[in-house]
Amino acid sequence: MKKEGFTLIEILIVIIFISILGVLGFFGFISYQESVRISGEVGELVDDLYYARQLSIIEQVHHGIRFNFEENYYQVIRYDEEEEIIKEKIFPPGMEIDSPDINLEPKFTLFGAVFKGGEIILSGGDRLKVIQIKPSGFIHVQRPDLN
């Protein structure tokens, strides 16, 4: 006599296999979501650096970014007769901004270079990105390997 269908053990093995794949997929999604979040924050900071640089060239007035590493925010500043805050960005909880130079304040010349270059380190969870500001005004994003 031929029986058709699956045994209870076969069904349980399939359910366990699907559950394991679901858990692995969930943790992969969480890791991907953190990566996208830090990439978005880095992108916004780099955009603001380029924005300050372009404003310096176009308006022929110095612009720059002032970082507050303790309070975890930065401001885009227009340095005219009086300083004017153009934009303020507060980083979300779990996202930290730092720099080897605690007094880093990239201020762009009227030609798009900076008076003093440096590095900005943005970290969130186990992700870390380094933004280098070269004296020429060139901005480069690095992603060091974290092992």
N, C-alpha and C. Protein backbone atom coordinates (compact mmCIF):
# COMPACT_ATOMS: atom_id res chain seq x y z
N MET A 1 0.83 -1.17 0.00
CA MET A 1 0.00 0.00 0.00
C MET A 1 0.88 1.25 0.00
N LYS A 2 0.61 2.17 -0.90
CA LYS A 2 1.40 3.38 -1.05
C LYS A 2 0.73 4.52 -0.30
N LYS A 3 1.54 5.19 0.58
CA LYS A 3 1.01 6.33 1.32
C LYS A 3 1.50 7.61 0.66
N GLU A 4 0.63 8.59 0.58
CA GLU A 4 1.01 9.88 0.04
C GLU A 4 0.97 10.92 1.14
N GLY A 5 1.85 11.92 1.06
CA GLY A 5 1.90 12.96 2.08
C GLY A 5 3.25 12.94 2.78
N PHE A 6 3.36 13.80 3.78
CA PHE A 6 4.61 13.95 4.52
C PHE A 6 4.43 13.43 5.93
N THR A 7 5.51 12.94 6.49
CA THR A 7 5.46 12.51 7.88
C THR A 7 5.63 13.73 8.77
N LEU A 8 5.32 13.57 10.03
CA LEU A 8 5.44 14.65 11.00
C LEU A 8 6.89 15.12 11.12
N ILE A 9 7.82 14.20 11.08
CA ILE A 9 9.25 14.54 11.19
C ILE A 9 9.69 15.38 10.00
N GLU A 10 9.25 15.06 8.81
CA GLU A 10 9.62 15.84 7.63
C GLU A 10 9.08 17.26 7.73
N ILE A 11 7.86 17.39 8.19
CA ILE A 11 7.25 18.72 8.34
C ILE A 11 8.01 19.52 9.40
N LEU A 12 8.37 18.91 10.52
CA LEU A 12 9.10 19.60 11.57
C LEU A 12 10.48 20.05 11.08
N ILE A 13 11.15 19.23 10.30
CA ILE A 13 12.46 19.60 9.77
C ILE A 13 12.34 20.82 8.85
N VAL A 14 11.33 20.86 8.02
CA VAL A 14 11.11 22.00 7.12
C VAL A 14 10.80 23.25 7.94
N ILE A 15 9.97 23.13 8.98
CA ILE A 15 9.62 24.29 9.82
C ILE A 15 10.86 24.82 10.53
N ILE A 16 11.69 23.93 11.06
CA ILE A 16 12.92 24.35 11.73
C ILE A 16 13.87 25.03 10.75
N PHE A 17 14.00 24.48 9.56
CA PHE A 17 14.87 25.06 8.54
C PHE A 17 14.39 26.46 8.16
N ILE A 18 13.10 26.62 7.94
CA ILE A 18 12.54 27.94 7.59
C ILE A 18 12.73 28.93 8.74
N SER A 19 12.57 28.47 9.98
CA SER A 19 12.77 29.34 11.14
C SER A 19 14.21 29.83 11.24
N ILE A 20 15.16 28.94 11.00
CA ILE A 20 16.58 29.33 11.05
C ILE A 20 16.87 30.36 9.96
N LEU A 21 16.36 30.14 8.77
CA LEU A 21 16.57 31.10 7.69
C LEU A 21 15.93 32.45 8.03
N GLY A 22 14.76 32.43 8.65
CA GLY A 22 14.09 33.67 9.05
C GLY A 22 14.89 34.46 10.07
N VAL A 23 15.45 33.78 11.06
CA VAL A 23 16.27 34.45 12.09
C VAL A 23 17.53 35.04 11.46
N LEU A 24 18.21 34.28 10.61
CA LEU A 24 19.40 34.80 9.94
C LEU A 24 19.07 36.00 9.06
N GLY A 25 17.96 35.93 8.37
CA GLY A 25 17.54 37.05 7.53
C GLY A 25 17.21 38.29 8.35
N PHE A 26 16.60 38.10 9.52
CA PHE A 26 16.26 39.22 10.39
C PHE A 26 17.52 39.94 10.86
N PHE A 27 18.52 39.19 11.32
CA PHE A 27 19.76 39.83 11.79
C PHE A 27 20.52 40.47 10.64
N GLY A 28 20.47 39.90 9.47
CA GLY A 28 21.08 40.51 8.30
C GLY A 28 20.40 41.83 7.96
N PHE A 29 19.10 41.87 8.08
CA PHE A 29 18.34 43.09 7.81
C PHE A 29 18.68 44.18 8.82
N ILE A 30 18.81 43.82 10.10
CA ILE A 30 19.16 44.80 11.13
C ILE A 30 20.54 45.39 10.84
N SER A 31 21.49 44.55 10.47
CA SER A 31 22.84 45.02 10.15
C SER A 31 22.81 45.93 8.92
N TYR A 32 22.05 45.58 7.92
CA TYR A 32 21.92 46.39 6.72
C TYR A 32 21.27 47.73 7.04
N GLN A 33 20.27 47.72 7.89
CA GLN A 33 19.57 48.95 8.27
C GLN A 33 20.53 49.92 8.97
N GLU A 34 21.39 49.42 9.85
CA GLU A 34 22.38 50.26 10.53
C GLU A 34 23.37 50.84 9.54
N SER A 35 23.78 50.06 8.57
CA SER A 35 24.70 50.52 7.55
C SER A 35 24.08 51.64 6.72
N VAL A 36 22.81 51.49 6.36
CA VAL A 36 22.12 52.51 5.58
C VAL A 36 21.96 53.79 6.40
N ARG A 37 21.69 53.64 7.69
CA ARG A 37 21.50 54.81 8.55
C ARG A 37 22.78 55.64 8.65
N ILE A 38 23.91 54.99 8.91
CA ILE A 38 25.16 55.74 9.02
C ILE A 38 25.57 56.32 7.67
N SER A 39 25.31 55.61 6.59
CA SER A 39 25.62 56.14 5.26
C SER A 39 24.80 57.40 4.97
N GLY A 40 23.56 57.41 5.41
CA GLY A 40 22.71 58.59 5.24
C GLY A 40 23.24 59.79 6.01
N GLU A 41 23.67 59.56 7.25
CA GLU A 41 24.20 60.64 8.08
C GLU A 41 25.52 61.17 7.49
N VAL A 42 26.37 60.27 7.03
CA VAL A 42 27.63 60.67 6.40
C VAL A 42 27.34 61.47 5.13
N GLY A 43 26.39 61.00 4.34
CA GLY A 43 26.02 61.71 3.12
C GLY A 43 25.54 63.12 3.39
N GLU A 44 24.73 63.27 4.44
CA GLU A 44 24.23 64.61 4.77
C GLU A 44 25.36 65.53 5.24
N LEU A 45 26.29 65.00 6.03
CA LEU A 45 27.42 65.81 6.49
C LEU A 45 28.32 66.22 5.31
N VAL A 46 28.60 65.29 4.43
CA VAL A 46 29.42 65.60 3.25
C VAL A 46 28.71 66.63 2.37
N ASP A 47 27.40 66.48 2.19
CA ASP A 47 26.63 67.47 1.42
C ASP A 47 26.73 68.85 2.05
N ASP A 48 26.66 68.91 3.38
CA ASP A 48 26.75 70.21 4.07
C ASP A 48 28.15 70.81 3.93
N LEU A 49 29.18 69.97 3.94
CA LEU A 49 30.53 70.47 3.71
C LEU A 49 30.66 71.06 2.31
N TYR A 50 30.15 70.34 1.32
CA TYR A 50 30.18 70.86 -0.06
C TYR A 50 29.33 72.12 -0.19
N TYR A 51 28.22 72.16 0.52
CA TYR A 51 27.33 73.33 0.49
C TYR A 51 28.07 74.56 1.03
N ALA A 52 28.74 74.41 2.17
CA ALA A 52 29.50 75.52 2.75
C ALA A 52 30.61 75.96 1.80
N ARG A 53 31.24 74.99 1.17
CA ARG A 53 32.31 75.30 0.21
C ARG A 53 31.77 76.10 -0.97
N GLN A 54 30.65 75.65 -1.52
CA GLN A 54 30.06 76.34 -2.66
C GLN A 54 29.59 77.74 -2.29
N LEU A 55 29.00 77.89 -1.10
CA LEU A 55 28.57 79.22 -0.68
C LEU A 55 29.75 80.17 -0.55
N SER A 56 30.89 79.67 -0.08
CA SER A 56 32.09 80.51 0.03
C SER A 56 32.52 81.02 -1.33
N ILE A 57 32.49 80.14 -2.32
CA ILE A 57 32.91 80.51 -3.67
C ILE A 57 31.91 81.46 -4.32
N ILE A 58 30.63 81.14 -4.21
CA ILE A 58 29.60 81.92 -4.89
C ILE A 58 29.40 83.30 -4.26
N GLU A 59 29.29 83.33 -2.92
CA GLU A 59 29.00 84.59 -2.23
C GLU A 59 30.26 85.39 -1.91
N GLN A 60 31.44 84.77 -2.08
CA GLN A 60 32.70 85.41 -1.72
C GLN A 60 32.71 85.88 -0.27
N VAL A 61 32.17 85.00 0.59
CA VAL A 61 32.16 85.17 2.04
C VAL A 61 32.53 83.82 2.63
N HIS A 62 33.38 83.81 3.64
CA HIS A 62 33.79 82.55 4.26
C HIS A 62 32.60 81.84 4.90
N HIS A 63 32.55 80.52 4.67
CA HIS A 63 31.55 79.65 5.28
C HIS A 63 32.29 78.44 5.85
N GLY A 64 31.68 77.77 6.79
CA GLY A 64 32.32 76.60 7.36
C GLY A 64 31.37 75.81 8.23
N ILE A 65 31.93 74.81 8.89
CA ILE A 65 31.15 73.94 9.77
C ILE A 65 31.79 73.97 11.15
N ARG A 66 30.98 74.22 12.15
CA ARG A 66 31.43 74.21 13.53
C ARG A 66 30.87 72.96 14.20
N PHE A 67 31.76 72.13 14.71
CA PHE A 67 31.36 70.88 15.37
C PHE A 67 31.33 71.06 16.88
N ASN A 68 30.36 70.43 17.50
CA ASN A 68 30.32 70.32 18.95
C ASN A 68 30.33 68.82 19.24
N PHE A 69 31.52 68.29 19.53
CA PHE A 69 31.68 66.86 19.70
C PHE A 69 31.06 66.35 21.00
N GLU A 70 30.99 67.21 22.01
CA GLU A 70 30.41 66.79 23.28
C GLU A 70 28.89 66.68 23.19
N GLU A 71 28.28 67.64 22.50
CA GLU A 71 26.81 67.65 22.37
C GLU A 71 26.33 66.89 21.14
N ASN A 72 27.26 66.43 20.29
CA ASN A 72 26.95 65.58 19.14
C ASN A 72 26.12 66.30 18.06
N TYR A 73 26.57 67.50 17.67
CA TYR A 73 25.91 68.22 16.59
C TYR A 73 26.92 69.10 15.86
N TYR A 74 26.47 69.65 14.72
CA TYR A 74 27.29 70.61 14.00
C TYR A 74 26.41 71.70 13.43
N GLN A 75 27.05 72.82 13.08
CA GLN A 75 26.35 73.96 12.49
C GLN A 75 27.07 74.41 11.23
N VAL A 76 26.31 74.78 10.23
CA VAL A 76 26.87 75.41 9.04
C VAL A 76 26.83 76.91 9.32
N ILE A 77 28.00 77.55 9.24
CA ILE A 77 28.14 78.94 9.66
C ILE A 77 28.55 79.82 8.48
N ARG A 78 27.98 81.02 8.44
CA ARG A 78 28.40 82.06 7.49
C ARG A 78 29.20 83.08 8.29
N TYR A 79 30.48 83.24 7.95
CA TYR A 79 31.37 84.15 8.67
C TYR A 79 31.43 85.49 7.94
N ASP A 80 30.52 86.36 8.24
CA ASP A 80 30.54 87.70 7.65
C ASP A 80 30.88 88.66 8.79
N GLU A 81 30.37 89.86 8.75
CA GLU A 81 30.62 90.79 9.86
C GLU A 81 30.13 90.18 11.17
N GLU A 82 29.02 89.50 11.09
CA GLU A 82 28.51 88.72 12.23
C GLU A 82 28.35 87.29 11.77
N GLU A 83 28.59 86.34 12.67
CA GLU A 83 28.40 84.94 12.31
C GLU A 83 26.90 84.65 12.22
N GLU A 84 26.55 83.89 11.18
CA GLU A 84 25.15 83.52 10.99
C GLU A 84 25.07 82.00 10.86
N ILE A 85 24.21 81.39 11.66
CA ILE A 85 24.00 79.94 11.59
C ILE A 85 23.00 79.68 10.47
N ILE A 86 23.46 78.95 9.45
CA ILE A 86 22.60 78.63 8.31
C ILE A 86 21.82 77.35 8.58
N LYS A 87 22.46 76.39 9.21
CA LYS A 87 21.83 75.10 9.46
C LYS A 87 22.44 74.48 10.71
N GLU A 88 21.62 73.73 11.44
CA GLU A 88 22.12 72.99 12.60
C GLU A 88 21.65 71.55 12.47
N LYS A 89 22.56 70.62 12.69
CA LYS A 89 22.24 69.19 12.57
C LYS A 89 22.61 68.49 13.88
N ILE A 90 21.62 67.88 14.52
CA ILE A 90 21.83 67.09 15.72
C ILE A 90 21.78 65.63 15.32
N PHE A 91 22.80 64.87 15.70
CA PHE A 91 22.83 63.46 15.35
C PHE A 91 21.89 62.65 16.24
N PRO A 92 21.25 61.62 15.70
CA PRO A 92 20.31 60.81 16.49
C PRO A 92 21.03 59.99 17.55
N PRO A 93 20.30 59.53 18.56
CA PRO A 93 20.92 58.67 19.58
C PRO A 93 21.56 57.44 18.95
N GLY A 94 22.71 57.05 19.47
CA GLY A 94 23.43 55.90 18.93
C GLY A 94 24.42 56.27 17.86
N MET A 95 24.40 57.52 17.40
CA MET A 95 25.32 58.02 16.38
C MET A 95 26.26 59.01 17.06
N GLU A 96 27.56 58.78 16.94
CA GLU A 96 28.55 59.63 17.59
C GLU A 96 29.45 60.28 16.56
N ILE A 97 29.80 61.54 16.80
CA ILE A 97 30.74 62.25 15.93
C ILE A 97 31.96 62.61 16.77
N ASP A 98 33.14 62.47 16.16
CA ASP A 98 34.38 62.73 16.88
C ASP A 98 35.45 63.16 15.89
N SER A 99 36.58 63.60 16.42
CA SER A 99 37.71 63.99 15.59
C SER A 99 38.99 63.91 16.41
N PRO A 100 40.10 63.56 15.77
CA PRO A 100 41.38 63.61 16.49
C PRO A 100 41.72 65.03 16.93
N ASP A 101 41.25 66.03 16.17
CA ASP A 101 41.46 67.44 16.50
C ASP A 101 40.16 67.98 17.09
N ILE A 102 40.11 68.14 18.41
CA ILE A 102 38.89 68.57 19.09
C ILE A 102 38.46 69.98 18.67
N ASN A 103 39.40 70.78 18.13
CA ASN A 103 39.08 72.15 17.70
C ASN A 103 38.84 72.25 16.20
N LEU A 104 38.55 71.13 15.56
CA LEU A 104 38.34 71.13 14.11
C LEU A 104 37.12 71.98 13.75
N GLU A 105 37.35 72.95 12.89
CA GLU A 105 36.27 73.79 12.37
C GLU A 105 36.63 74.17 10.94
N PRO A 106 36.27 73.29 9.98
CA PRO A 106 36.63 73.57 8.59
C PRO A 106 35.98 74.87 8.11
N LYS A 107 36.82 75.82 7.75
CA LYS A 107 36.37 77.13 7.26
C LYS A 107 36.92 77.28 5.85
N PHE A 108 36.02 77.47 4.90
CA PHE A 108 36.41 77.50 3.49
C PHE A 108 36.81 78.89 3.05
N THR A 109 37.86 78.94 2.23
CA THR A 109 38.32 80.21 1.66
C THR A 109 37.40 80.59 0.51
N LEU A 110 37.66 81.74 -0.06
CA LEU A 110 36.83 82.21 -1.17
C LEU A 110 37.08 81.44 -2.46
N PHE A 111 38.10 80.56 -2.43
CA PHE A 111 38.43 79.72 -3.59
C PHE A 111 38.06 78.26 -3.37
N GLY A 112 37.47 77.93 -2.22
CA GLY A 112 37.01 76.57 -1.96
C GLY A 112 37.97 75.69 -1.19
N ALA A 113 39.14 76.21 -0.85
CA ALA A 113 40.07 75.44 -0.01
C ALA A 113 39.67 75.65 1.46
N VAL A 114 40.31 74.92 2.37
CA VAL A 114 40.05 75.16 3.79
C VAL A 114 41.30 75.73 4.43
N PHE A 115 41.10 76.52 5.47
CA PHE A 115 42.25 77.06 6.19
C PHE A 115 43.00 75.96 6.92
N LYS A 116 42.26 74.96 7.42
CA LYS A 116 42.88 73.86 8.15
C LYS A 116 42.05 72.61 7.91
N GLY A 117 42.68 71.57 7.36
CA GLY A 117 41.99 70.31 7.11
C GLY A 117 41.94 69.46 8.36
N GLY A 118 41.34 68.29 8.22
CA GLY A 118 41.25 67.37 9.35
C GLY A 118 40.38 66.18 9.05
N GLU A 119 40.10 65.41 10.10
CA GLU A 119 39.27 64.21 9.97
C GLU A 119 38.09 64.27 10.92
N ILE A 120 36.98 63.75 10.44
CA ILE A 120 35.78 63.62 11.25
C ILE A 120 35.43 62.14 11.27
N ILE A 121 35.16 61.61 12.45
CA ILE A 121 34.84 60.19 12.61
C ILE A 121 33.38 60.09 13.02
N LEU A 122 32.62 59.36 12.24
CA LEU A 122 31.21 59.15 12.54
C LEU A 122 31.00 57.67 12.81
N SER A 123 30.46 57.35 13.97
CA SER A 123 30.26 55.94 14.33
C SER A 123 28.85 55.72 14.83
N GLY A 124 28.36 54.53 14.53
CA GLY A 124 27.04 54.12 14.98
C GLY A 124 27.00 52.61 15.05
N GLY A 125 26.70 52.07 16.22
CA GLY A 125 26.73 50.62 16.39
C GLY A 125 28.14 50.12 16.17
N ASP A 126 28.30 49.16 15.28
CA ASP A 126 29.64 48.64 14.97
C ASP A 126 30.18 49.21 13.66
N ARG A 127 29.54 50.25 13.16
CA ARG A 127 29.96 50.88 11.90
C ARG A 127 30.77 52.13 12.20
N LEU A 128 31.74 52.41 11.34
CA LEU A 128 32.60 53.57 11.52
C LEU A 128 32.97 54.12 10.14
N LYS A 129 32.83 55.42 9.97
CA LYS A 129 33.25 56.07 8.73
C LYS A 129 34.09 57.29 9.08
N VAL A 130 35.12 57.53 8.28
CA VAL A 130 36.02 58.65 8.48
C VAL A 130 35.89 59.58 7.28
N ILE A 131 35.66 60.85 7.56
CA ILE A 131 35.56 61.87 6.52
C ILE A 131 36.82 62.72 6.61
N GLN A 132 37.60 62.73 5.55
CA GLN A 132 38.83 63.53 5.52
C GLN A 132 38.56 64.82 4.74
N ILE A 133 38.97 65.93 5.32
CA ILE A 133 38.87 67.22 4.65
C ILE A 133 40.30 67.67 4.36
N LYS A 134 40.66 67.66 3.12
CA LYS A 134 42.02 68.01 2.70
C LYS A 134 42.16 69.53 2.65
N PRO A 135 43.38 70.06 2.79
CA PRO A 135 43.58 71.51 2.70
C PRO A 135 43.09 72.12 1.39
N SER A 136 43.06 71.32 0.33
CA SER A 136 42.58 71.82 -0.96
C SER A 136 41.06 71.98 -1.00
N GLY A 137 40.36 71.46 0.02
CA GLY A 137 38.91 71.50 0.04
C GLY A 137 38.29 70.19 -0.42
N PHE A 138 39.13 69.26 -0.87
CA PHE A 138 38.65 67.94 -1.30
C PHE A 138 38.15 67.17 -0.08
N ILE A 139 37.03 66.49 -0.23
CA ILE A 139 36.42 65.73 0.86
C ILE A 139 36.39 64.27 0.45
N HIS A 140 36.94 63.42 1.31
CA HIS A 140 37.05 61.98 1.02
C HIS A 140 36.47 61.20 2.17
N VAL A 141 35.61 60.20 1.86
CA VAL A 141 35.00 59.35 2.88
C VAL A 141 35.69 58.00 2.85
N GLN A 142 36.19 57.57 4.03
CA GLN A 142 36.82 56.26 4.17
C GLN A 142 35.93 55.40 5.05
N ARG A 143 36.02 54.11 4.86
CA ARG A 143 35.34 53.18 5.75
C ARG A 143 36.35 52.17 6.25
N PRO A 144 36.92 52.43 7.42
CA PRO A 144 37.91 51.47 7.93
C PRO A 144 37.26 50.13 8.24
N ASP A 145 38.03 49.06 8.08
CA ASP A 145 37.54 47.74 8.42
C ASP A 145 37.52 47.57 9.93
N LEU A 146 36.41 47.08 10.44
CA LEU A 146 36.30 46.82 11.87
C LEU A 146 36.29 45.33 12.07
N ASN A 147 37.30 44.79 12.66
CA ASN A 147 37.36 43.35 12.92
C ASN A 147 37.26 43.10 14.39
